[in-house]
């Protein structure tokens, strides 16, 4: 199937849900991205700051850019002028830097708090208790150029659908608890970023409002063999 056909198929699948599709364009050529744009879809997700900036500089300015990968504090300044949503806030230090750069550009920057729900320790994100600790301190309320829109998580890298279902269900319950306890008067806290190519159907059933799809649209990436070291 073509890129356009894959996008149409996924949009039909999410049609009954209040869910937005983010096409993950990392490592994709400008030609492949132009095929996406030709369908009328203009929401793209990138994992790396440099690649996002390079594409932003040459592609149409009406694209909605989402930073979905791990973000270092010293790189926030490069995307602050244009990014639509930062999914991967995993520390209060990063949140403060986003506020600083939002203030410098006179933009309130939307972001999500990334929660660690997977078995792999290598994945980023706040632990549940770390988010509660941060929200209880309320220093985050002084960050006027940050708008916390919700939570994001990445499931364990497993083919065990029951495990993924369990992780997503618990995460949604945590999201609802956080919303009631800390954001019940904030209607903007409404985003649950959950689900990728391998598990987005499970994510849809667990209330995901944002799904991040790459390989199911562009096809699996070819992994080039490493050159032998001299």
N, C-alpha and C. Protein backbone atom coordinates (compact mmCIF):
# COMPACT_ATOMS: atom_id res chain seq x y z
N UNK A 1 0.83 -1.20 0.00
CA UNK A 1 0.00 0.00 0.00
C UNK A 1 0.87 1.25 0.00
N UNK A 2 0.34 2.32 -0.58
CA UNK A 2 1.08 3.58 -0.63
C UNK A 2 0.98 4.30 0.71
N UNK A 3 1.78 5.35 0.85
CA UNK A 3 1.73 6.18 2.06
C UNK A 3 0.32 6.75 2.24
N UNK A 4 -0.25 7.25 1.16
CA UNK A 4 -1.59 7.84 1.23
C UNK A 4 -2.63 6.80 1.65
N UNK A 5 -2.52 5.60 1.11
CA UNK A 5 -3.47 4.53 1.45
C UNK A 5 -3.33 4.12 2.93
N UNK A 6 -2.09 4.07 3.41
CA UNK A 6 -1.86 3.71 4.81
C UNK A 6 -2.45 4.76 5.75
N UNK A 7 -2.29 6.03 5.40
CA UNK A 7 -2.86 7.11 6.23
C UNK A 7 -4.38 7.01 6.24
N UNK A 8 -4.97 6.79 5.08
CA UNK A 8 -6.43 6.68 4.99
C UNK A 8 -6.93 5.51 5.83
N UNK A 9 -6.23 4.38 5.78
CA UNK A 9 -6.62 3.19 6.54
C UNK A 9 -6.60 3.48 8.05
N UNK A 10 -5.52 4.11 8.51
CA UNK A 10 -5.41 4.38 9.95
C UNK A 10 -6.45 5.41 10.38
N UNK A 11 -6.69 6.40 9.55
CA UNK A 11 -7.69 7.41 9.92
C UNK A 11 -9.09 6.81 10.01
N UNK A 12 -9.37 5.82 9.19
CA UNK A 12 -10.66 5.14 9.29
C UNK A 12 -10.75 4.37 10.60
N UNK A 13 -9.64 3.76 11.00
CA UNK A 13 -9.61 2.98 12.24
C UNK A 13 -9.81 3.86 13.47
N UNK A 14 -9.29 5.07 13.42
CA UNK A 14 -9.41 5.95 14.58
C UNK A 14 -10.63 6.86 14.49
N UNK A 15 -11.40 6.71 13.42
CA UNK A 15 -12.53 7.61 13.19
C UNK A 15 -13.54 7.65 14.31
N UNK A 16 -13.77 6.50 14.96
CA UNK A 16 -14.77 6.44 16.03
C UNK A 16 -14.23 6.95 17.36
N UNK A 17 -12.95 7.25 17.40
CA UNK A 17 -12.32 7.71 18.63
C UNK A 17 -11.96 9.20 18.49
N UNK A 18 -11.87 9.88 19.62
CA UNK A 18 -11.44 11.28 19.61
C UNK A 18 -9.92 11.31 19.66
N UNK A 19 -9.32 10.90 18.55
CA UNK A 19 -7.88 10.69 18.51
C UNK A 19 -7.26 11.40 17.33
N UNK A 20 -6.09 12.00 17.56
CA UNK A 20 -5.35 12.69 16.51
C UNK A 20 -4.17 11.83 16.07
N UNK A 21 -3.97 11.74 14.77
CA UNK A 21 -2.85 10.98 14.22
C UNK A 21 -1.62 11.87 14.05
N UNK A 22 -0.52 11.44 14.65
CA UNK A 22 0.76 12.11 14.43
C UNK A 22 1.60 11.19 13.55
N UNK A 23 1.92 11.65 12.36
CA UNK A 23 2.76 10.87 11.44
C UNK A 23 4.22 11.09 11.84
N UNK A 24 4.86 10.01 12.24
CA UNK A 24 6.25 10.10 12.70
C UNK A 24 7.17 10.12 11.48
N UNK A 25 7.74 11.28 11.24
CA UNK A 25 8.52 11.50 10.01
C UNK A 25 10.02 11.39 10.22
N UNK A 26 10.45 10.93 11.38
CA UNK A 26 11.90 10.82 11.64
C UNK A 26 12.56 9.92 10.61
N UNK A 27 13.72 10.33 10.14
CA UNK A 27 14.56 9.64 9.14
C UNK A 27 13.93 9.61 7.75
N UNK A 28 12.73 10.13 7.59
CA UNK A 28 12.07 10.07 6.28
C UNK A 28 12.54 11.20 5.37
N UNK A 29 12.58 10.92 4.09
CA UNK A 29 13.02 11.91 3.11
C UNK A 29 11.96 12.99 2.92
N UNK A 30 12.38 14.12 2.38
CA UNK A 30 11.41 15.18 2.09
C UNK A 30 10.38 14.71 1.08
N UNK A 31 10.80 13.85 0.16
CA UNK A 31 9.86 13.32 -0.85
C UNK A 31 8.75 12.51 -0.18
N UNK A 32 9.14 11.67 0.78
CA UNK A 32 8.14 10.85 1.49
C UNK A 32 7.21 11.74 2.30
N UNK A 33 7.76 12.77 2.93
CA UNK A 33 6.94 13.69 3.71
C UNK A 33 5.98 14.47 2.80
N UNK A 34 6.45 14.82 1.61
CA UNK A 34 5.57 15.52 0.67
C UNK A 34 4.38 14.64 0.29
N UNK A 35 4.57 13.32 0.25
CA UNK A 35 3.46 12.41 -0.03
C UNK A 35 2.43 12.48 1.10
N UNK A 36 2.91 12.61 2.32
CA UNK A 36 2.00 12.77 3.46
C UNK A 36 1.23 14.08 3.33
N UNK A 37 1.94 15.16 3.07
CA UNK A 37 1.31 16.47 2.98
C UNK A 37 0.29 16.53 1.84
N UNK A 38 0.54 15.77 0.79
CA UNK A 38 -0.37 15.77 -0.36
C UNK A 38 -1.74 15.20 -0.01
N UNK A 39 -1.81 14.42 1.09
CA UNK A 39 -3.10 13.88 1.53
C UNK A 39 -3.89 14.91 2.35
N UNK A 40 -3.24 16.02 2.66
CA UNK A 40 -3.87 17.03 3.50
C UNK A 40 -3.51 16.90 4.97
N UNK A 41 -2.72 15.89 5.31
CA UNK A 41 -2.33 15.68 6.70
C UNK A 41 -1.10 16.54 7.01
N UNK A 42 -1.16 17.30 8.10
CA UNK A 42 -0.10 18.25 8.40
C UNK A 42 0.39 18.18 9.84
N UNK A 43 0.27 17.00 10.45
CA UNK A 43 0.74 16.82 11.83
C UNK A 43 1.88 15.81 11.81
N UNK A 44 3.09 16.29 12.11
CA UNK A 44 4.28 15.44 12.02
C UNK A 44 4.99 15.37 13.36
N UNK A 45 5.60 14.21 13.62
CA UNK A 45 6.35 14.00 14.86
C UNK A 45 7.79 13.67 14.57
N UNK A 46 8.69 14.28 15.33
CA UNK A 46 10.13 14.03 15.17
C UNK A 46 10.76 13.66 16.51
N UNK A 47 11.83 12.88 16.45
CA UNK A 47 12.53 12.42 17.65
C UNK A 47 13.78 13.23 17.97
N UNK A 48 14.34 13.88 16.95
CA UNK A 48 15.62 14.57 17.14
C UNK A 48 15.50 16.03 16.74
N UNK A 49 16.05 16.90 17.58
CA UNK A 49 15.91 18.34 17.38
C UNK A 49 16.50 18.80 16.07
N UNK A 50 17.73 18.39 15.77
CA UNK A 50 18.39 18.87 14.55
C UNK A 50 17.60 18.50 13.31
N UNK A 51 17.11 17.26 13.27
CA UNK A 51 16.34 16.83 12.11
C UNK A 51 15.03 17.60 12.00
N UNK A 52 14.38 17.85 13.13
CA UNK A 52 13.14 18.62 13.11
C UNK A 52 13.38 20.03 12.58
N UNK A 53 14.43 20.68 13.07
CA UNK A 53 14.72 22.05 12.64
C UNK A 53 15.04 22.10 11.15
N UNK A 54 15.82 21.14 10.67
CA UNK A 54 16.18 21.12 9.25
C UNK A 54 14.94 20.97 8.37
N UNK A 55 14.00 20.15 8.79
CA UNK A 55 12.77 19.97 8.01
C UNK A 55 11.86 21.18 8.13
N UNK A 56 11.77 21.75 9.32
CA UNK A 56 10.95 22.94 9.52
C UNK A 56 11.40 24.08 8.62
N UNK A 57 12.70 24.18 8.41
CA UNK A 57 13.24 25.29 7.62
C UNK A 57 12.86 25.22 6.15
N UNK A 58 12.57 24.03 5.64
CA UNK A 58 12.31 23.88 4.20
C UNK A 58 10.88 23.47 3.86
N UNK A 59 10.13 23.03 4.84
CA UNK A 59 8.76 22.57 4.58
C UNK A 59 7.76 23.69 4.89
N UNK A 60 6.51 23.55 4.42
CA UNK A 60 5.50 24.59 4.65
C UNK A 60 5.33 24.93 6.13
N UNK A 61 5.06 26.20 6.42
CA UNK A 61 5.01 26.67 7.79
C UNK A 61 3.69 26.36 8.49
N UNK A 62 2.73 25.76 7.79
CA UNK A 62 1.47 25.42 8.46
C UNK A 62 1.48 24.00 9.03
N UNK A 63 2.65 23.36 9.04
CA UNK A 63 2.76 22.03 9.63
C UNK A 63 2.74 22.15 11.16
N UNK A 64 2.06 21.22 11.81
CA UNK A 64 2.02 21.15 13.27
C UNK A 64 3.10 20.15 13.71
N UNK A 65 4.16 20.68 14.33
CA UNK A 65 5.32 19.85 14.70
C UNK A 65 5.22 19.38 16.14
N UNK A 66 5.42 18.06 16.34
CA UNK A 66 5.41 17.47 17.66
C UNK A 66 6.78 16.87 17.97
N UNK A 67 7.37 17.25 19.09
CA UNK A 67 8.62 16.64 19.54
C UNK A 67 8.26 15.43 20.40
N UNK A 68 8.54 14.24 19.89
CA UNK A 68 8.12 13.02 20.59
C UNK A 68 9.29 12.25 21.19
N UNK A 69 10.53 12.66 20.87
CA UNK A 69 11.70 11.96 21.40
C UNK A 69 12.26 12.64 22.64
N UNK A 70 13.24 11.99 23.23
CA UNK A 70 13.90 12.55 24.41
C UNK A 70 14.49 13.91 24.07
N UNK A 71 14.25 14.87 24.94
CA UNK A 71 14.67 16.26 24.67
C UNK A 71 15.64 16.71 25.75
N UNK A 72 16.82 17.16 25.32
CA UNK A 72 17.81 17.70 26.25
C UNK A 72 17.52 19.18 26.49
N UNK A 73 17.76 19.63 27.71
CA UNK A 73 17.45 21.01 28.08
C UNK A 73 18.15 22.02 27.18
N UNK A 74 19.39 21.73 26.80
CA UNK A 74 20.15 22.71 26.01
C UNK A 74 19.70 22.79 24.56
N UNK A 75 18.73 21.97 24.16
CA UNK A 75 18.26 22.00 22.78
C UNK A 75 16.84 22.57 22.64
N UNK A 76 16.22 22.89 23.77
CA UNK A 76 14.86 23.43 23.72
C UNK A 76 14.82 24.72 22.91
N UNK A 77 15.85 25.54 23.03
CA UNK A 77 15.87 26.85 22.36
C UNK A 77 15.73 26.75 20.85
N UNK A 78 16.14 25.62 20.27
CA UNK A 78 16.09 25.49 18.81
C UNK A 78 14.68 25.23 18.29
N UNK A 79 13.83 24.62 19.11
CA UNK A 79 12.47 24.31 18.64
C UNK A 79 11.41 25.23 19.25
N UNK A 80 11.80 26.01 20.26
CA UNK A 80 10.84 26.89 20.94
C UNK A 80 10.08 27.84 20.01
N UNK A 81 10.70 28.33 18.93
CA UNK A 81 9.97 29.28 18.08
C UNK A 81 8.79 28.68 17.32
N UNK A 82 8.76 27.34 17.15
CA UNK A 82 7.74 26.78 16.26
C UNK A 82 7.06 25.50 16.74
N UNK A 83 7.60 24.80 17.71
CA UNK A 83 7.04 23.50 18.08
C UNK A 83 5.60 23.65 18.59
N UNK A 84 4.74 22.70 18.23
CA UNK A 84 3.33 22.76 18.65
C UNK A 84 3.10 22.04 19.98
N UNK A 85 3.78 20.90 20.16
CA UNK A 85 3.60 20.14 21.40
C UNK A 85 4.85 19.33 21.68
N UNK A 86 5.35 19.43 22.91
CA UNK A 86 6.48 18.62 23.35
C UNK A 86 5.92 17.48 24.19
N UNK A 87 6.07 16.24 23.72
CA UNK A 87 5.48 15.08 24.39
C UNK A 87 6.34 14.55 25.53
N UNK A 88 7.62 14.88 25.53
CA UNK A 88 8.58 14.09 26.29
C UNK A 88 9.25 14.84 27.44
N UNK A 89 8.46 15.57 28.23
CA UNK A 89 9.03 16.26 29.38
C UNK A 89 9.21 15.24 30.51
N UNK A 90 10.46 14.98 30.89
CA UNK A 90 10.73 13.92 31.86
C UNK A 90 11.46 14.41 33.10
N UNK A 91 11.51 15.74 33.31
CA UNK A 91 12.13 16.28 34.52
C UNK A 91 11.63 17.70 34.76
N UNK A 92 11.68 18.14 36.01
CA UNK A 92 11.31 19.51 36.32
C UNK A 92 12.32 20.48 35.73
N UNK A 93 13.58 20.06 35.68
CA UNK A 93 14.63 20.88 35.06
C UNK A 93 14.27 21.21 33.62
N UNK A 94 13.81 20.22 32.88
CA UNK A 94 13.42 20.43 31.49
C UNK A 94 12.20 21.34 31.41
N UNK A 95 11.25 21.15 32.30
CA UNK A 95 10.05 21.98 32.32
C UNK A 95 10.42 23.45 32.53
N UNK A 96 11.37 23.70 33.42
CA UNK A 96 11.81 25.08 33.68
C UNK A 96 12.50 25.67 32.46
N UNK A 97 13.25 24.86 31.73
CA UNK A 97 13.92 25.37 30.53
C UNK A 97 12.91 25.67 29.43
N UNK A 98 11.88 24.86 29.32
CA UNK A 98 10.83 25.12 28.34
C UNK A 98 10.15 26.45 28.67
N UNK A 99 9.90 26.69 29.95
CA UNK A 99 9.33 27.99 30.38
C UNK A 99 10.28 29.13 29.99
N UNK A 100 11.55 28.96 30.26
CA UNK A 100 12.54 30.01 29.95
C UNK A 100 12.55 30.34 28.47
N UNK A 101 12.55 29.31 27.62
CA UNK A 101 12.59 29.54 26.18
C UNK A 101 11.26 30.04 25.64
N UNK A 102 10.16 29.59 26.25
CA UNK A 102 8.86 30.12 25.87
C UNK A 102 8.78 31.61 26.16
N UNK A 103 9.30 32.01 27.31
CA UNK A 103 9.31 33.43 27.68
C UNK A 103 10.18 34.23 26.72
N UNK A 104 11.33 33.66 26.33
CA UNK A 104 12.24 34.36 25.42
C UNK A 104 11.60 34.60 24.06
N UNK A 105 10.69 33.71 23.65
CA UNK A 105 10.04 33.82 22.34
C UNK A 105 8.60 34.31 22.47
N UNK A 106 8.20 34.67 23.69
CA UNK A 106 6.84 35.14 23.94
C UNK A 106 5.80 34.15 23.44
N UNK A 107 6.04 32.87 23.74
CA UNK A 107 5.12 31.81 23.36
C UNK A 107 4.86 30.91 24.57
N UNK A 108 3.61 30.62 24.85
CA UNK A 108 3.29 29.60 25.84
C UNK A 108 3.42 28.25 25.15
N UNK A 109 4.31 27.39 25.66
CA UNK A 109 4.61 26.13 25.00
C UNK A 109 3.82 24.98 25.63
N UNK A 110 3.03 24.32 24.79
CA UNK A 110 2.27 23.15 25.23
C UNK A 110 3.20 21.96 25.40
N UNK A 111 2.98 21.18 26.45
CA UNK A 111 3.82 20.01 26.66
C UNK A 111 3.06 18.94 27.42
N UNK A 112 3.63 17.73 27.39
CA UNK A 112 3.11 16.59 28.13
C UNK A 112 4.18 16.08 29.07
N UNK A 113 3.78 15.55 30.19
CA UNK A 113 4.72 14.92 31.11
C UNK A 113 4.83 13.45 30.72
N UNK A 114 6.06 13.00 30.45
CA UNK A 114 6.27 11.61 30.06
C UNK A 114 6.37 10.73 31.31
N UNK A 115 5.59 9.67 31.32
CA UNK A 115 5.54 8.75 32.45
C UNK A 115 6.20 7.43 32.08
N UNK A 116 7.04 6.91 32.95
CA UNK A 116 7.70 5.63 32.70
C UNK A 116 6.77 4.50 33.12
N UNK A 117 6.31 3.71 32.13
CA UNK A 117 5.42 2.61 32.44
C UNK A 117 5.98 1.27 31.96
N UNK A 118 7.07 1.29 31.22
CA UNK A 118 7.60 0.08 30.60
C UNK A 118 8.52 -0.70 31.54
N UNK A 119 8.77 -1.94 31.18
CA UNK A 119 9.69 -2.77 31.95
C UNK A 119 11.14 -2.31 31.76
N UNK A 120 11.45 -1.84 30.54
CA UNK A 120 12.83 -1.46 30.24
C UNK A 120 13.24 -0.22 31.01
N UNK A 121 14.34 -0.31 31.71
CA UNK A 121 14.85 0.83 32.47
C UNK A 121 15.44 1.89 31.55
N UNK A 122 15.72 1.52 30.30
CA UNK A 122 16.34 2.47 29.37
C UNK A 122 15.37 3.53 28.88
N UNK A 123 14.07 3.29 29.01
CA UNK A 123 13.10 4.27 28.56
C UNK A 123 13.04 5.44 29.54
N UNK A 124 12.75 6.63 29.00
CA UNK A 124 12.72 7.84 29.81
C UNK A 124 11.34 8.03 30.44
N UNK A 125 11.27 8.99 31.36
CA UNK A 125 9.98 9.35 31.93
C UNK A 125 10.00 9.45 33.44
N UNK A 126 9.07 10.25 33.97
CA UNK A 126 8.87 10.33 35.41
C UNK A 126 8.31 9.00 35.93
N UNK A 127 8.71 8.61 37.12
CA UNK A 127 7.98 7.58 37.83
C UNK A 127 6.70 8.21 38.38
N UNK A 128 5.71 7.40 38.66
CA UNK A 128 4.43 7.94 39.16
C UNK A 128 4.64 8.84 40.37
N UNK A 129 5.44 8.35 41.32
CA UNK A 129 5.63 9.12 42.56
C UNK A 129 6.39 10.43 42.31
N UNK A 130 7.23 10.46 41.28
CA UNK A 130 7.97 11.68 40.96
C UNK A 130 7.04 12.76 40.42
N UNK A 131 6.08 12.36 39.60
CA UNK A 131 5.11 13.34 39.10
C UNK A 131 4.26 13.90 40.25
N UNK A 132 3.80 13.03 41.12
CA UNK A 132 2.99 13.48 42.25
C UNK A 132 3.79 14.43 43.14
N UNK A 133 5.05 14.09 43.38
CA UNK A 133 5.91 14.95 44.20
C UNK A 133 6.05 16.33 43.57
N UNK A 134 6.29 16.38 42.26
CA UNK A 134 6.45 17.65 41.56
C UNK A 134 5.16 18.47 41.61
N UNK A 135 4.04 17.83 41.34
CA UNK A 135 2.77 18.56 41.32
C UNK A 135 2.37 19.05 42.71
N UNK A 136 2.74 18.31 43.73
CA UNK A 136 2.42 18.73 45.10
C UNK A 136 3.22 19.97 45.51
N UNK A 137 4.42 20.11 44.98
CA UNK A 137 5.24 21.27 45.33
C UNK A 137 4.70 22.55 44.72
N UNK A 138 3.97 22.43 43.62
CA UNK A 138 3.27 23.55 42.97
C UNK A 138 4.19 24.62 42.38
N UNK A 139 5.51 24.38 42.38
CA UNK A 139 6.41 25.34 41.73
C UNK A 139 6.09 25.44 40.24
N UNK A 140 5.56 24.35 39.68
CA UNK A 140 5.24 24.33 38.26
C UNK A 140 4.18 25.36 37.89
N UNK A 141 3.37 25.75 38.87
CA UNK A 141 2.32 26.74 38.58
C UNK A 141 2.90 28.12 38.31
N UNK A 142 4.15 28.34 38.69
CA UNK A 142 4.80 29.63 38.45
C UNK A 142 5.40 29.72 37.05
N UNK A 143 5.37 28.61 36.31
CA UNK A 143 5.95 28.58 34.97
C UNK A 143 4.87 29.02 33.97
N UNK A 144 4.74 30.32 33.81
CA UNK A 144 3.63 30.88 33.04
C UNK A 144 3.73 30.64 31.54
N UNK A 145 4.91 30.27 31.06
CA UNK A 145 5.06 30.04 29.62
C UNK A 145 5.08 28.54 29.29
N UNK A 146 4.57 27.75 30.22
CA UNK A 146 4.39 26.31 30.02
C UNK A 146 2.92 25.98 30.23
N UNK A 147 2.37 25.18 29.34
CA UNK A 147 0.99 24.71 29.47
C UNK A 147 1.01 23.18 29.45
N UNK A 148 0.83 22.57 30.62
CA UNK A 148 0.83 21.11 30.69
C UNK A 148 -0.51 20.60 30.18
N UNK A 149 -0.48 19.93 29.03
CA UNK A 149 -1.72 19.49 28.37
C UNK A 149 -2.12 18.06 28.73
N UNK A 150 -1.20 17.28 29.33
CA UNK A 150 -1.55 15.89 29.63
C UNK A 150 -0.32 15.05 29.88
N UNK A 151 -0.45 13.76 29.61
CA UNK A 151 0.62 12.80 29.87
C UNK A 151 0.94 11.98 28.63
N UNK A 152 2.16 11.47 28.58
CA UNK A 152 2.59 10.58 27.50
C UNK A 152 3.31 9.38 28.08
N UNK A 153 3.21 8.24 27.38
CA UNK A 153 3.94 7.05 27.82
C UNK A 153 4.22 6.14 26.63
N UNK A 154 5.23 5.29 26.82
CA UNK A 154 5.60 4.29 25.83
C UNK A 154 5.58 2.93 26.51
N UNK A 155 4.87 1.98 25.92
CA UNK A 155 4.73 0.66 26.52
C UNK A 155 6.02 -0.14 26.41
N UNK A 156 6.07 -1.25 27.12
CA UNK A 156 7.20 -2.16 27.02
C UNK A 156 7.31 -2.70 25.59
N UNK A 157 8.53 -2.97 25.18
CA UNK A 157 8.77 -3.54 23.85
C UNK A 157 8.54 -5.05 23.92
N UNK A 158 7.29 -5.44 23.72
CA UNK A 158 6.92 -6.84 23.86
C UNK A 158 5.78 -7.16 22.91
N UNK A 159 5.66 -8.44 22.57
CA UNK A 159 4.54 -8.89 21.74
C UNK A 159 3.38 -9.39 22.62
N UNK A 160 3.55 -9.31 23.92
CA UNK A 160 2.52 -9.76 24.86
C UNK A 160 1.45 -8.68 24.97
N UNK A 161 0.35 -8.86 24.26
CA UNK A 161 -0.69 -7.84 24.22
C UNK A 161 -1.37 -7.66 25.58
N UNK A 162 -1.44 -8.71 26.37
CA UNK A 162 -2.05 -8.59 27.69
C UNK A 162 -1.22 -7.67 28.58
N UNK A 163 0.10 -7.75 28.45
CA UNK A 163 0.96 -6.87 29.23
C UNK A 163 0.78 -5.42 28.80
N UNK A 164 0.75 -5.19 27.47
CA UNK A 164 0.56 -3.84 26.96
C UNK A 164 -0.79 -3.29 27.41
N UNK A 165 -1.81 -4.11 27.31
CA UNK A 165 -3.16 -3.71 27.74
C UNK A 165 -3.14 -3.30 29.21
N UNK A 166 -2.45 -4.08 30.04
CA UNK A 166 -2.36 -3.79 31.46
C UNK A 166 -1.64 -2.47 31.72
N UNK A 167 -0.52 -2.25 31.00
CA UNK A 167 0.24 -1.01 31.16
C UNK A 167 -0.59 0.20 30.74
N UNK A 168 -1.30 0.08 29.62
CA UNK A 168 -2.11 1.19 29.13
C UNK A 168 -3.29 1.48 30.07
N UNK A 169 -3.91 0.41 30.57
CA UNK A 169 -5.05 0.60 31.47
C UNK A 169 -4.63 1.31 32.75
N UNK A 170 -3.51 0.88 33.32
CA UNK A 170 -3.01 1.50 34.54
C UNK A 170 -2.59 2.95 34.29
N UNK A 171 -2.03 3.20 33.10
CA UNK A 171 -1.61 4.55 32.77
C UNK A 171 -2.81 5.48 32.62
N UNK A 172 -3.85 4.98 31.97
CA UNK A 172 -5.05 5.81 31.82
C UNK A 172 -5.66 6.12 33.19
N UNK A 173 -5.65 5.13 34.08
CA UNK A 173 -6.17 5.35 35.43
C UNK A 173 -5.34 6.40 36.16
N UNK A 174 -4.03 6.35 35.96
CA UNK A 174 -3.14 7.34 36.58
C UNK A 174 -3.44 8.73 36.01
N UNK A 175 -3.60 8.81 34.69
CA UNK A 175 -3.94 10.09 34.04
C UNK A 175 -5.22 10.68 34.64
N UNK A 176 -6.22 9.85 34.79
CA UNK A 176 -7.50 10.34 35.31
C UNK A 176 -7.35 10.80 36.76
N UNK A 177 -6.52 10.10 37.54
CA UNK A 177 -6.28 10.51 38.91
C UNK A 177 -5.56 11.84 39.00
N UNK A 178 -4.55 12.01 38.12
CA UNK A 178 -3.80 13.27 38.09
C UNK A 178 -4.72 14.42 37.67
N UNK A 179 -5.56 14.17 36.70
CA UNK A 179 -6.47 15.23 36.23
C UNK A 179 -7.41 15.67 37.34
N UNK A 180 -7.99 14.72 38.05
CA UNK A 180 -8.93 15.05 39.12
C UNK A 180 -8.23 15.78 40.27
N UNK A 181 -7.03 15.32 40.60
CA UNK A 181 -6.34 15.85 41.77
C UNK A 181 -5.69 17.21 41.52
N UNK A 182 -5.20 17.45 40.28
CA UNK A 182 -4.39 18.64 40.05
C UNK A 182 -4.88 19.55 38.92
N UNK A 183 -5.73 19.02 38.02
CA UNK A 183 -6.12 19.80 36.84
C UNK A 183 -7.63 19.82 36.61
N UNK A 184 -8.41 19.53 37.64
CA UNK A 184 -9.85 19.39 37.40
C UNK A 184 -10.50 20.68 36.92
N UNK A 185 -9.87 21.83 37.21
CA UNK A 185 -10.42 23.11 36.75
C UNK A 185 -9.76 23.56 35.45
N UNK A 186 -8.89 22.74 34.91
CA UNK A 186 -8.16 23.10 33.69
C UNK A 186 -8.63 22.21 32.54
N UNK A 187 -9.50 22.74 31.72
CA UNK A 187 -10.03 21.96 30.61
C UNK A 187 -8.98 21.63 29.56
N UNK A 188 -7.86 22.36 29.57
CA UNK A 188 -6.81 22.12 28.59
C UNK A 188 -6.01 20.85 28.89
N UNK A 189 -6.10 20.34 30.12
CA UNK A 189 -5.42 19.10 30.46
C UNK A 189 -6.27 17.94 29.95
N UNK A 190 -6.08 17.59 28.69
CA UNK A 190 -6.99 16.64 28.04
C UNK A 190 -6.30 15.69 27.06
N UNK A 191 -4.96 15.66 27.10
CA UNK A 191 -4.24 14.87 26.11
C UNK A 191 -3.55 13.66 26.73
N UNK A 192 -3.77 12.51 26.11
CA UNK A 192 -3.18 11.25 26.53
C UNK A 192 -2.45 10.68 25.32
N UNK A 193 -1.12 10.86 25.28
CA UNK A 193 -0.32 10.43 24.13
C UNK A 193 0.14 9.00 24.36
N UNK A 194 -0.47 8.09 23.63
CA UNK A 194 -0.27 6.67 23.91
C UNK A 194 -0.49 5.87 22.63
N UNK A 195 0.48 5.06 22.26
CA UNK A 195 0.30 4.17 21.12
C UNK A 195 1.17 4.51 19.94
N UNK A 196 1.83 3.46 19.41
CA UNK A 196 2.66 3.57 18.20
C UNK A 196 2.23 2.49 17.22
N UNK A 197 3.00 2.28 16.18
CA UNK A 197 2.59 1.37 15.12
C UNK A 197 2.24 -0.03 15.64
N UNK A 198 3.00 -0.51 16.61
CA UNK A 198 2.82 -1.88 17.09
C UNK A 198 1.66 -2.05 18.07
N UNK A 199 1.20 -0.95 18.67
CA UNK A 199 0.20 -1.11 19.73
C UNK A 199 -0.91 -0.05 19.73
N UNK A 200 -1.04 0.69 18.62
CA UNK A 200 -1.99 1.80 18.65
C UNK A 200 -3.45 1.35 18.78
N UNK A 201 -3.77 0.15 18.31
CA UNK A 201 -5.16 -0.31 18.42
C UNK A 201 -5.52 -0.54 19.89
N UNK A 202 -4.57 -1.05 20.67
CA UNK A 202 -4.80 -1.21 22.11
C UNK A 202 -4.90 0.16 22.76
N UNK A 203 -4.06 1.09 22.30
CA UNK A 203 -4.07 2.46 22.86
C UNK A 203 -5.41 3.13 22.61
N UNK A 204 -5.98 2.93 21.43
CA UNK A 204 -7.28 3.53 21.12
C UNK A 204 -8.36 3.07 22.09
N UNK A 205 -8.31 1.79 22.45
CA UNK A 205 -9.31 1.25 23.37
C UNK A 205 -9.10 1.74 24.79
N UNK A 206 -7.94 2.34 25.04
CA UNK A 206 -7.64 2.85 26.38
C UNK A 206 -7.61 4.37 26.43
N UNK A 207 -8.29 4.99 25.48
CA UNK A 207 -8.54 6.42 25.56
C UNK A 207 -7.46 7.33 25.03
N UNK A 208 -6.54 6.81 24.24
CA UNK A 208 -5.49 7.66 23.70
C UNK A 208 -6.08 8.75 22.81
N UNK A 209 -5.59 9.98 23.00
CA UNK A 209 -6.04 11.10 22.16
C UNK A 209 -5.01 11.44 21.10
N UNK A 210 -3.80 10.88 21.23
CA UNK A 210 -2.72 11.13 20.27
C UNK A 210 -1.98 9.83 20.02
N UNK A 211 -1.96 9.36 18.77
CA UNK A 211 -1.18 8.17 18.46
C UNK A 211 -0.04 8.57 17.51
N UNK A 212 1.12 7.93 17.69
CA UNK A 212 2.34 8.29 16.98
C UNK A 212 2.71 7.14 16.04
N UNK A 213 2.46 7.33 14.75
CA UNK A 213 2.60 6.23 13.80
C UNK A 213 3.66 6.54 12.74
N UNK A 214 4.64 5.64 12.60
CA UNK A 214 5.67 5.80 11.59
C UNK A 214 5.73 4.64 10.63
N UNK A 215 6.17 3.47 11.10
CA UNK A 215 6.41 2.33 10.20
C UNK A 215 5.13 1.81 9.55
N UNK A 216 3.99 1.95 10.20
CA UNK A 216 2.74 1.48 9.59
C UNK A 216 2.29 2.39 8.44
N UNK A 217 2.95 3.52 8.30
CA UNK A 217 2.66 4.44 7.20
C UNK A 217 3.75 4.39 6.14
N UNK A 218 5.00 4.47 6.59
CA UNK A 218 6.12 4.53 5.65
C UNK A 218 6.73 3.16 5.35
N UNK A 219 6.40 2.15 6.14
CA UNK A 219 7.06 0.86 6.02
C UNK A 219 8.22 0.80 7.00
N UNK A 220 8.68 -0.40 7.28
CA UNK A 220 9.77 -0.56 8.23
C UNK A 220 11.05 0.04 7.68
N UNK A 221 11.79 0.70 8.58
CA UNK A 221 13.05 1.32 8.18
C UNK A 221 14.10 0.25 7.98
N UNK A 222 14.93 0.48 6.97
CA UNK A 222 16.05 -0.43 6.74
C UNK A 222 17.17 -0.07 7.70
N UNK A 223 17.67 -1.07 8.41
CA UNK A 223 18.79 -0.86 9.32
C UNK A 223 20.07 -1.17 8.58
N UNK A 224 20.85 -0.13 8.33
CA UNK A 224 22.09 -0.32 7.59
C UNK A 224 23.15 -0.94 8.48
N UNK A 225 23.89 -1.92 7.96
CA UNK A 225 24.93 -2.53 8.78
C UNK A 225 26.03 -1.54 9.11
N UNK A 226 26.57 -1.65 10.31
CA UNK A 226 27.65 -0.77 10.72
C UNK A 226 28.93 -1.10 9.96
N UNK A 227 29.66 -0.05 9.62
CA UNK A 227 30.93 -0.25 8.95
C UNK A 227 31.92 -0.84 9.95
N UNK A 228 32.73 -1.80 9.50
CA UNK A 228 33.72 -2.37 10.41
C UNK A 228 34.74 -1.33 10.84
N UNK A 229 35.09 -1.38 12.12
CA UNK A 229 36.08 -0.43 12.62
C UNK A 229 37.47 -0.83 12.18
N UNK A 230 38.28 0.19 11.89
CA UNK A 230 39.66 -0.09 11.47
C UNK A 230 40.50 -0.54 12.67
